[in-house]
Amino acid sequence: MPQTLTIEDKIAAEYGDLSAKLRDAADYVAAHPVDVATRSLRAISASSGLAPATFSRLARALGFASYEELRELSRNAVGRRYVSFSERVHRLQAEAEAGAQPPFLTRQASACTANIEAMIRLIDPARLEDAVERLHRARNVVLFGALGSTGIVEYMAYMGSYFAANWRLAGRMGASLASAMADIGAEDALIVLTKPPHARRAILAAQMARERGAFVLVITDTHACPALKWSDAGFILPSDSPQFFSSYAASLVLAETIIGMLAARAGPQAKARIEEVEARNHRLEEFWVA
C-alpha cells in the first residue's frame, strides 16, 4: 500500500543517528518549512548560520537524492518548535496585559481548528489505514500516556474497551507499567501518546515493545520525539496554541478517528459487545435515569 511521508517523518526516522551539526540543520528544516520551500539554499544558509553543504549532507542522510528533493517535500510541512510552559505563560500574560485581540476564546478555537485542518493535510490516509489494520489484527492492544497525555489515552482506552476485550491501559492509577510490558509480544500492539517535555516512561515503553517485536504506534507533535525511533507508525501532529499548554485537539480527533475505524472493522461482535456493556451499565446503575 503506498505511503506518503512528510519531511518530519523523514527527519524523525533518522534523527537519532544524525551528527550534532546535521541535527541543527534538521531542526531548522522542521521549524522553517516555508522558508526552506521558498528561499534559496544560500538564503537558508545565511539565516541558519549553517553552511550550504550541511543541508546537502542532511538531504543525503535523510535518503534524498539532492537538497532539491528535500525542499520539495518541505512544501507540505508544518513547522512547530517546542517552547517551555513557563515561557508560554509569560507570553500569554503579556498579551493579556496588552489587551490582545481578538478575545482568547477566538484565538484558542482558531488555533485548534488550524491544527485539525493541518493534521488532515499531513496524514496520508493509506498510512493511517495500514496502522489501524495492524491494531485490528493485534492479539492485545496496550495504551500508554503520561503527564499531559494521560487523559487522552485513558479516553481512547475507554472507547476501545466498549467494542474490544483485548485493550489494556498500562500504568493506570499506580499500576506497574513493567507488568504490562512484560506480557507484550510480537502479536501485540502498543499505542504511545507523548509530547514535550516527554515522559521518560513513554519513551522506554516504546523501546521495550519494539524490542519484543510488538507493533508500536506513536502519536506526538515533534520530529525530535525519541519514541519515534522505536515506532512502526508515527504520526506527528500540530499542537500550536495561544495558551501555555500544547493543544491536544488534533490528537483527540486522531484518537477518535482510529477508534471509529476499528469499530467499523470489528463487525457484529462489536455491536454484541457494546450491547452487553450497556446492559451491564444499566444493571449496575451507572447511568442517571430521569
Protein backbone atom coordinates (compact mmCIF):
# COMPACT_ATOMS: atom_id res chain seq x y z
CA MET A 1 0.00 0.00 0.00
CA PRO A 2 1.58 3.37 -0.99
CA GLN A 3 2.56 5.67 1.81
CA THR A 4 3.46 9.38 1.67
CA LEU A 5 6.00 10.53 4.24
CA THR A 6 6.22 14.13 5.40
CA ILE A 7 9.53 15.91 5.88
CA GLU A 8 9.09 15.47 9.63
CA ASP A 9 8.60 11.73 9.17
CA LYS A 10 11.87 11.54 7.26
CA ILE A 11 13.71 13.59 9.87
CA ALA A 12 12.22 11.61 12.75
CA ALA A 13 13.29 8.29 11.23
CA GLU A 14 16.95 9.31 11.09
CA TYR A 15 17.21 11.94 13.82
CA GLY A 16 18.82 9.72 16.45
CA ASP A 17 21.68 8.80 14.10
CA LEU A 18 22.46 12.32 12.84
CA SER A 19 25.56 14.21 13.92
CA ALA A 20 25.14 17.33 16.05
CA LYS A 21 25.61 19.58 13.03
CA LEU A 22 23.11 17.68 10.94
CA ARG A 23 20.63 17.76 13.82
CA ASP A 24 20.96 21.54 13.83
CA ALA A 25 20.15 21.56 10.12
CA ALA A 26 17.26 19.12 10.60
CA ASP A 27 15.81 21.26 13.40
CA TYR A 28 15.97 24.30 11.15
CA VAL A 29 14.25 22.50 8.27
CA ALA A 30 11.47 21.22 10.53
CA ALA A 31 10.93 24.62 12.14
CA HIS A 32 11.06 26.68 8.91
CA PRO A 33 9.37 24.61 6.17
CA VAL A 34 8.03 27.67 4.34
CA ASP A 35 11.48 29.26 4.20
CA VAL A 36 13.07 26.02 3.02
CA ALA A 37 10.40 25.60 0.37
CA THR A 38 10.54 29.16 -0.97
CA ARG A 39 14.02 30.59 -0.34
CA SER A 40 17.34 29.74 -1.93
CA LEU A 41 19.85 27.46 -0.24
CA ARG A 42 22.18 30.43 0.12
CA ALA A 43 19.48 32.40 1.96
CA ILE A 44 18.72 29.41 4.20
CA SER A 45 22.41 29.10 4.98
CA ALA A 46 22.61 32.78 5.95
CA SER A 47 19.52 32.58 8.16
CA SER A 48 20.54 29.39 9.92
CA GLY A 49 24.25 30.07 10.27
CA LEU A 50 24.98 26.67 8.72
CA ALA A 51 26.96 26.01 5.57
CA PRO A 52 25.05 25.08 2.38
CA ALA A 53 27.00 21.81 2.31
CA THR A 54 25.48 20.89 5.69
CA PHE A 55 21.97 20.96 4.23
CA SER A 56 23.13 18.94 1.24
CA ARG A 57 24.61 16.32 3.58
CA LEU A 58 21.39 16.34 5.58
CA ALA A 59 19.38 15.66 2.42
CA ARG A 60 21.53 12.61 1.63
CA ALA A 61 21.37 11.40 5.25
CA LEU A 62 17.57 11.50 5.03
CA GLY A 63 17.56 9.44 1.86
CA PHE A 64 17.04 12.22 -0.70
CA ALA A 65 18.98 12.27 -3.94
CA SER A 66 19.50 16.02 -3.59
CA TYR A 67 18.64 19.06 -1.49
CA GLU A 68 16.01 19.98 -4.08
CA GLU A 69 14.09 16.79 -3.26
CA LEU A 70 14.15 17.69 0.42
CA ARG A 71 12.98 21.19 -0.45
CA GLU A 72 10.04 19.84 -2.44
CA LEU A 73 8.83 17.69 0.45
CA SER A 74 9.09 20.70 2.76
CA ARG A 75 6.29 22.42 0.85
CA ASN A 76 3.67 20.37 2.71
CA ALA A 77 5.28 20.54 6.14
CA VAL A 78 4.01 22.47 9.14
CA GLY A 79 6.74 23.90 11.34
CA ARG A 80 6.50 23.50 15.11
CA ARG A 81 9.02 24.32 17.83
CA TYR A 82 8.74 23.39 21.49
CA VAL A 83 8.63 26.34 23.87
CA SER A 84 8.65 25.73 27.62
CA PHE A 85 5.40 26.08 29.57
CA SER A 86 6.85 28.93 31.64
CA GLU A 87 7.81 30.86 28.51
CA ARG A 88 4.35 30.31 27.07
CA VAL A 89 2.51 31.51 30.18
CA HIS A 90 4.77 34.59 30.27
CA ARG A 91 3.80 35.34 26.66
CA LEU A 92 0.15 34.70 27.50
CA GLN A 93 0.22 37.13 30.42
CA ALA A 94 2.00 39.78 28.35
CA GLU A 95 -0.66 39.51 25.67
CA ALA A 96 -3.42 39.84 28.26
CA GLU A 97 -1.82 42.96 29.74
CA ALA A 98 -1.54 44.46 26.26
CA GLY A 99 -5.21 43.75 25.60
CA ALA A 100 -4.57 41.29 22.79
CA GLN A 101 -7.37 40.92 20.27
CA PRO A 102 -9.39 39.01 19.23
CA PRO A 103 -10.68 37.50 22.52
CA PHE A 104 -8.79 34.50 23.85
CA LEU A 105 -11.66 32.12 23.11
CA THR A 106 -11.47 33.06 19.44
CA ARG A 107 -7.70 32.68 19.32
CA GLN A 108 -7.73 29.31 21.09
CA ALA A 109 -10.54 27.93 18.94
CA SER A 110 -8.86 29.19 15.78
CA ALA A 111 -5.57 27.52 16.74
CA CYS A 112 -7.33 24.20 17.42
CA THR A 113 -9.19 24.42 14.12
CA ALA A 114 -5.96 25.17 12.28
CA ASN A 115 -4.25 22.20 13.97
CA ILE A 116 -7.02 19.84 12.89
CA GLU A 117 -7.02 21.17 9.34
CA ALA A 118 -3.24 20.78 9.15
CA MET A 119 -3.50 17.23 10.52
CA ILE A 120 -5.85 16.31 7.69
CA ARG A 121 -3.27 17.50 5.15
CA LEU A 122 -0.34 15.85 6.94
CA ILE A 123 -1.74 12.35 7.47
CA ASP A 124 -1.68 10.07 4.46
CA PRO A 125 -4.93 8.04 4.55
CA ALA A 126 -3.07 4.94 3.32
CA ARG A 127 -0.64 5.09 6.24
CA LEU A 128 -3.49 5.52 8.68
CA GLU A 129 -5.41 2.59 7.17
CA ASP A 130 -2.34 0.40 7.47
CA ALA A 131 -1.79 1.35 11.11
CA VAL A 132 -5.44 0.73 12.01
CA GLU A 133 -5.33 -2.65 10.29
CA ARG A 134 -2.31 -3.62 12.38
CA LEU A 135 -4.20 -2.63 15.54
CA HIS A 136 -7.23 -4.60 14.36
CA ARG A 137 -5.15 -7.76 13.90
CA ALA A 138 -3.30 -7.42 17.21
CA ARG A 139 -3.85 -10.04 19.90
CA ASN A 140 -3.75 -7.31 22.56
CA VAL A 141 -3.56 -3.53 22.31
CA VAL A 142 -1.72 -1.76 25.14
CA LEU A 143 -2.02 2.01 25.54
CA PHE A 144 0.26 4.35 27.47
CA GLY A 145 0.40 8.07 28.03
CA ALA A 146 1.91 10.03 30.91
CA LEU A 147 1.82 13.61 32.17
CA GLY A 148 -0.49 15.71 30.00
CA SER A 149 -1.16 12.81 27.65
CA THR A 150 -2.69 10.60 30.35
CA GLY A 151 -6.27 11.76 29.96
CA ILE A 152 -6.39 11.41 26.18
CA VAL A 153 -5.01 7.87 26.32
CA GLU A 154 -7.45 6.91 29.09
CA TYR A 155 -10.32 8.21 26.98
CA MET A 156 -9.08 6.24 23.98
CA ALA A 157 -8.83 3.07 26.08
CA TYR A 158 -12.33 3.69 27.46
CA MET A 159 -13.76 3.92 23.94
CA GLY A 160 -11.84 0.87 22.74
CA SER A 161 -12.92 -1.28 25.66
CA TYR A 162 -16.56 -0.88 24.63
CA PHE A 163 -16.14 -2.98 21.49
CA ALA A 164 -12.90 -4.90 22.13
CA ALA A 165 -11.97 -7.08 25.10
CA ASN A 166 -8.25 -7.01 24.28
CA TRP A 167 -7.49 -3.35 25.06
CA ARG A 168 -5.38 -2.63 28.14
CA LEU A 169 -4.33 0.67 29.69
CA ALA A 170 -0.80 0.42 31.07
CA GLY A 171 0.41 2.13 34.23
CA ARG A 172 -3.02 3.38 35.29
CA MET A 173 -3.68 4.52 38.88
CA GLY A 174 -0.33 3.33 40.18
CA ALA A 175 -0.37 0.02 38.32
CA SER A 176 3.02 -1.20 37.21
CA LEU A 177 4.00 -0.30 33.66
CA ALA A 178 6.53 -3.11 33.81
CA SER A 179 3.81 -5.73 34.25
CA ALA A 180 2.09 -4.59 31.06
CA MET A 181 5.35 -4.56 29.11
CA ALA A 182 6.35 -7.99 30.41
CA ASP A 183 3.37 -9.59 28.65
CA ILE A 184 3.68 -7.81 25.31
CA GLY A 185 4.89 -9.78 22.30
CA ALA A 186 5.09 -9.93 18.53
CA GLU A 187 1.34 -10.44 18.15
CA ASP A 188 0.51 -7.35 20.20
CA ALA A 189 0.45 -3.59 19.65
CA LEU A 190 1.38 -0.57 21.76
CA ILE A 191 -0.04 2.94 21.34
CA VAL A 192 2.01 5.74 22.92
CA LEU A 193 1.00 9.40 23.07
CA THR A 194 3.75 11.76 24.18
CA LYS A 195 4.58 15.45 23.76
CA PRO A 196 7.40 17.67 25.08
CA PRO A 197 8.51 17.52 27.78
CA HIS A 198 8.46 13.80 27.08
CA ALA A 199 7.81 11.38 29.92
CA ARG A 200 10.77 9.03 30.25
CA ARG A 201 8.49 6.03 30.78
CA ALA A 202 6.70 6.69 27.48
CA ILE A 203 9.97 6.50 25.55
CA LEU A 204 11.11 3.37 27.37
CA ALA A 205 7.72 1.71 26.84
CA ALA A 206 8.05 2.23 23.07
CA GLN A 207 11.58 0.81 23.14
CA MET A 208 10.60 -2.23 25.20
CA ALA A 209 7.63 -3.02 22.98
CA ARG A 210 9.71 -2.72 19.81
CA GLU A 211 12.41 -4.96 21.27
CA ARG A 212 9.77 -7.62 21.91
CA GLY A 213 8.52 -7.41 18.33
CA ALA A 214 5.22 -5.62 19.01
CA PHE A 215 3.70 -3.13 16.59
CA VAL A 216 4.37 0.35 18.00
CA LEU A 217 2.25 3.39 17.11
CA VAL A 218 3.49 6.75 18.39
CA ILE A 219 1.49 9.98 18.37
CA THR A 220 3.50 13.13 19.05
CA ASP A 221 3.97 16.70 17.85
CA THR A 222 7.68 16.88 17.02
CA HIS A 223 10.15 15.09 14.77
CA ALA A 224 12.61 15.06 17.67
CA CYS A 225 10.41 12.79 19.82
CA PRO A 226 12.73 9.95 20.97
CA ALA A 227 9.90 7.40 20.84
CA LEU A 228 9.68 7.73 17.04
CA LYS A 229 12.96 5.81 16.80
CA TRP A 230 11.11 2.72 18.08
CA SER A 231 7.85 3.20 16.19
CA ASP A 232 6.45 1.21 13.27
CA ALA A 233 3.96 4.01 12.63
CA GLY A 234 4.45 7.58 13.83
CA PHE A 235 2.03 10.47 13.47
CA ILE A 236 3.42 13.96 14.06
CA LEU A 237 0.50 16.30 14.69
CA PRO A 238 0.41 20.09 15.09
CA SER A 239 -0.26 21.30 18.63
CA ASP A 240 0.06 25.08 18.36
CA SER A 241 -1.89 27.07 20.94
CA PRO A 242 -2.01 30.66 22.24
CA GLN A 243 -2.07 29.34 25.80
CA PHE A 244 0.83 27.89 27.79
CA PHE A 245 -0.01 24.21 27.19
CA SER A 246 0.25 22.26 23.94
CA SER A 247 -3.10 21.70 22.28
CA TYR A 248 -4.38 18.12 22.19
CA ALA A 249 -7.24 18.94 19.80
CA ALA A 250 -5.67 17.20 16.79
CA SER A 251 -4.54 14.26 18.94
CA LEU A 252 -8.08 13.81 20.25
CA VAL A 253 -9.53 13.85 16.73
CA LEU A 254 -6.98 11.26 15.59
CA ALA A 255 -7.73 9.05 18.62
CA GLU A 256 -11.46 9.18 17.93
CA THR A 257 -10.82 8.52 14.23
CA ILE A 258 -8.76 5.41 14.99
CA ILE A 259 -11.45 4.11 17.34
CA GLY A 260 -14.15 4.68 14.74
CA MET A 261 -12.15 2.89 12.05
CA LEU A 262 -11.53 -0.04 14.38
CA ALA A 263 -15.19 -0.28 15.38
CA ALA A 264 -16.14 -0.40 11.71
CA ARG A 265 -13.76 -3.32 11.20
CA ALA A 266 -14.93 -5.22 14.26
CA GLY A 267 -18.17 -6.45 12.66
CA PRO A 268 -21.15 -7.98 14.50
CA GLN A 269 -19.01 -8.87 17.50
CA ALA A 270 -18.53 -5.18 18.26
CA LYS A 271 -22.26 -4.50 18.28
CA ALA A 272 -22.89 -7.50 20.52
CA ARG A 273 -20.18 -6.48 22.99
CA ILE A 274 -21.38 -2.87 23.15
CA GLU A 275 -24.91 -4.08 23.84
CA GLU A 276 -23.60 -6.32 26.63
CA VAL A 277 -21.57 -3.48 28.16
CA GLU A 278 -24.56 -1.14 28.04
CA ALA A 279 -26.83 -3.77 29.62
CA ARG A 280 -24.38 -4.26 32.49
CA ASN A 281 -24.03 -0.48 32.92
CA HIS A 282 -27.78 -0.25 33.40
CA ARG A 283 -27.77 -3.21 35.79
CA LEU A 284 -25.04 -1.54 37.84
CA GLU A 285 -26.99 1.73 37.69
CA GLU A 286 -24.00 3.54 36.22
CA PHE A 287 -26.21 5.98 34.33
CA TRP A 288 -28.50 8.69 35.69
CA VAL A 289 -32.11 7.92 34.80
CA ALA A 290 -34.53 10.84 34.99
